[in-house]
Every structure is written in structure tokens, then in C-alpha cells.
Amino acid sequence: MKKAVFAAALAAAATLTMSSAFAAEDMLALAKSKNCLACHAVDKKLVGPSYQEVAAKYAGKPGAVDTLSKAILHGVSGVWGPVPMPANPQVTPAQAKQLAEWVLSLKK
């Protein structure tokens, strides 16, 4: 009985890990399709900060998803220096929320 429970738990964990990896791949593809990767990378600064830097800055802050979603949709300036982030009208509010949640999940 213990072996069966352990095997089921192991299978569930493997499925969750594969789902998370697939979701990360989907989110990276979404970011690429919306031209986010022209200025951002997951782990290094390009024109804008890396997604890991953004995640670290907003970690644990109330309203972080909303703040980042609004920045994605409407643009923002002065948060990371003199280069403004332009508005992204090609991104839907639902996509902006997904992207914000994903970016926040990338904290090291």
C-alpha cells in the first residue's frame, strides 16, 4: 500500500513539474510573440531590466501583479532609469496579467 501511495505521489509531482515547465515555455513564447524579448531577457539586462531583476524588486509587494500588468499595457518611465518602457497595445489585459505573474515567478 505504501509503495502505491508513493508511486502516485511521485507521478503527481512529475506531472506538476512537466506542467510548470510547459507553462514556462508557453509564457516565454508569449513574451517573444509580443516583442517583450526585444528589450528584456530572463537573466540579463538588455534595454530594460532582466525579468529576474523585476521579480526581485517586486517580490512580496502587495499589488505587484497589477502594477506590472499596468506597466506592460500602458508603459512606464522612470522606474528603471531614463529609458521608458512603451505601451504594448498588442497585449490583452489577460495576457498582461499572465506575463506579470510569470515574471514574478522568476525570482532567484
Protein backbone atom coordinates (compact mmCIF):
# COMPACT_ATOMS: atom_id res chain seq x y z
CA MET A 1 0.00 0.00 0.00
CA LYS A 2 2.82 2.41 0.90
CA LYS A 3 4.50 1.71 -2.44
CA ALA A 4 1.30 2.54 -4.32
CA VAL A 5 0.84 5.81 -2.44
CA PHE A 6 4.49 6.74 -3.01
CA ALA A 7 4.23 5.90 -6.72
CA ALA A 8 1.08 8.02 -7.07
CA ALA A 9 2.73 10.96 -5.28
CA LEU A 10 5.81 10.64 -7.47
CA ALA A 11 3.68 10.58 -10.63
CA ALA A 12 1.74 13.65 -9.48
CA ALA A 13 4.99 15.51 -8.77
CA ALA A 14 6.38 14.60 -12.19
CA THR A 15 3.18 15.80 -13.87
CA LEU A 16 3.28 19.07 -11.93
CA THR A 17 6.91 19.61 -12.91
CA MET A 18 6.16 18.94 -16.56
CA SER A 19 3.15 21.27 -16.41
CA SER A 20 5.25 24.03 -14.86
CA ALA A 21 7.95 23.60 -17.49
CA PHE A 22 5.35 23.64 -20.25
CA ALA A 23 3.75 26.75 -18.77
CA ALA A 24 7.16 28.46 -18.62
CA GLU A 25 7.77 27.58 -22.27
CA ASP A 26 4.33 28.93 -23.15
CA MET A 27 4.99 32.17 -21.29
CA LEU A 28 8.38 32.61 -22.93
CA ALA A 29 6.71 32.07 -26.31
CA LEU A 30 4.01 34.62 -25.43
CA ALA A 31 6.66 37.16 -24.36
CA LYS A 32 8.51 36.57 -27.63
CA SER A 33 5.35 36.90 -29.72
CA LYS A 34 4.54 40.25 -28.07
CA ASN A 35 8.09 41.59 -28.66
CA CYS A 36 8.91 41.71 -24.93
CA LEU A 37 12.21 39.93 -25.59
CA ALA A 38 13.39 42.78 -27.81
CA CYS A 39 14.14 44.72 -24.61
CA HIS A 40 14.11 42.11 -21.82
CA ALA A 41 15.75 38.76 -21.11
CA VAL A 42 15.09 36.34 -18.28
CA ASP A 43 18.55 36.54 -16.72
CA LYS A 44 20.39 39.58 -18.08
CA LYS A 45 19.80 43.27 -18.66
CA LEU A 46 19.21 44.33 -22.24
CA VAL A 47 17.50 47.66 -22.90
CA GLY A 48 15.35 47.03 -19.85
CA PRO A 49 15.98 45.03 -16.69
CA SER A 50 16.05 41.24 -16.67
CA TYR A 51 12.85 39.53 -15.62
CA GLN A 52 14.74 38.16 -12.60
CA GLU A 53 15.61 41.74 -11.54
CA VAL A 54 11.97 42.76 -11.90
CA ALA A 55 10.87 39.73 -9.86
CA ALA A 56 13.35 40.55 -7.12
CA LYS A 57 12.28 44.21 -6.97
CA TYR A 58 8.58 43.38 -6.65
CA ALA A 59 8.86 40.20 -4.54
CA GLY A 60 6.32 40.18 -1.73
CA LYS A 61 4.91 43.60 -2.59
CA PRO A 62 1.12 43.85 -2.44
CA GLY A 63 -0.38 44.61 -5.83
CA ALA A 64 2.75 43.62 -7.74
CA VAL A 65 0.79 41.72 -10.41
CA ASP A 66 -1.47 44.72 -11.01
CA THR A 67 1.48 47.14 -11.06
CA LEU A 68 3.37 45.07 -13.62
CA SER A 69 0.24 44.38 -15.69
CA LYS A 70 -0.42 48.11 -15.96
CA ALA A 71 3.21 48.76 -16.89
CA ILE A 72 3.01 46.11 -19.62
CA LEU A 73 -0.22 47.51 -21.02
CA HIS A 74 0.32 51.26 -20.66
CA GLY A 75 4.10 51.64 -20.43
CA VAL A 76 6.06 53.27 -17.63
CA SER A 77 9.02 55.61 -17.23
CA GLY A 78 11.48 56.45 -14.52
CA VAL A 79 11.26 53.14 -12.66
CA TRP A 80 14.44 51.59 -14.07
CA GLY A 81 16.26 54.68 -15.31
CA PRO A 82 15.80 57.12 -18.16
CA VAL A 83 14.70 54.68 -20.87
CA PRO A 84 10.89 54.39 -20.83
CA MET A 85 9.03 51.16 -21.40
CA PRO A 86 6.50 51.78 -24.17
CA ALA A 87 2.85 50.78 -24.02
CA ASN A 88 2.00 47.42 -25.55
CA PRO A 89 -1.43 47.72 -27.18
CA GLN A 90 -0.99 44.29 -28.81
CA VAL A 91 -1.15 42.67 -25.34
CA THR A 92 -4.57 41.95 -23.86
CA PRO A 93 -5.24 42.60 -20.16
CA ALA A 94 -5.42 38.82 -19.57
CA GLN A 95 -2.06 38.31 -21.30
CA ALA A 96 -0.53 41.18 -19.31
CA LYS A 97 -1.64 39.52 -16.08
CA GLN A 98 -0.23 36.16 -17.19
CA LEU A 99 3.08 37.77 -18.16
CA ALA A 100 3.26 39.68 -14.86
CA GLU A 101 2.61 36.51 -12.84
CA TRP A 102 5.22 34.65 -14.85
CA VAL A 103 7.84 37.39 -14.44
CA LEU A 104 7.22 37.45 -10.67
CA SER A 105 7.74 33.68 -10.56
CA LEU A 106 11.29 34.10 -11.91
CA LYS A 107 12.77 35.48 -8.68
CA LYS A 108 16.09 33.81 -7.92
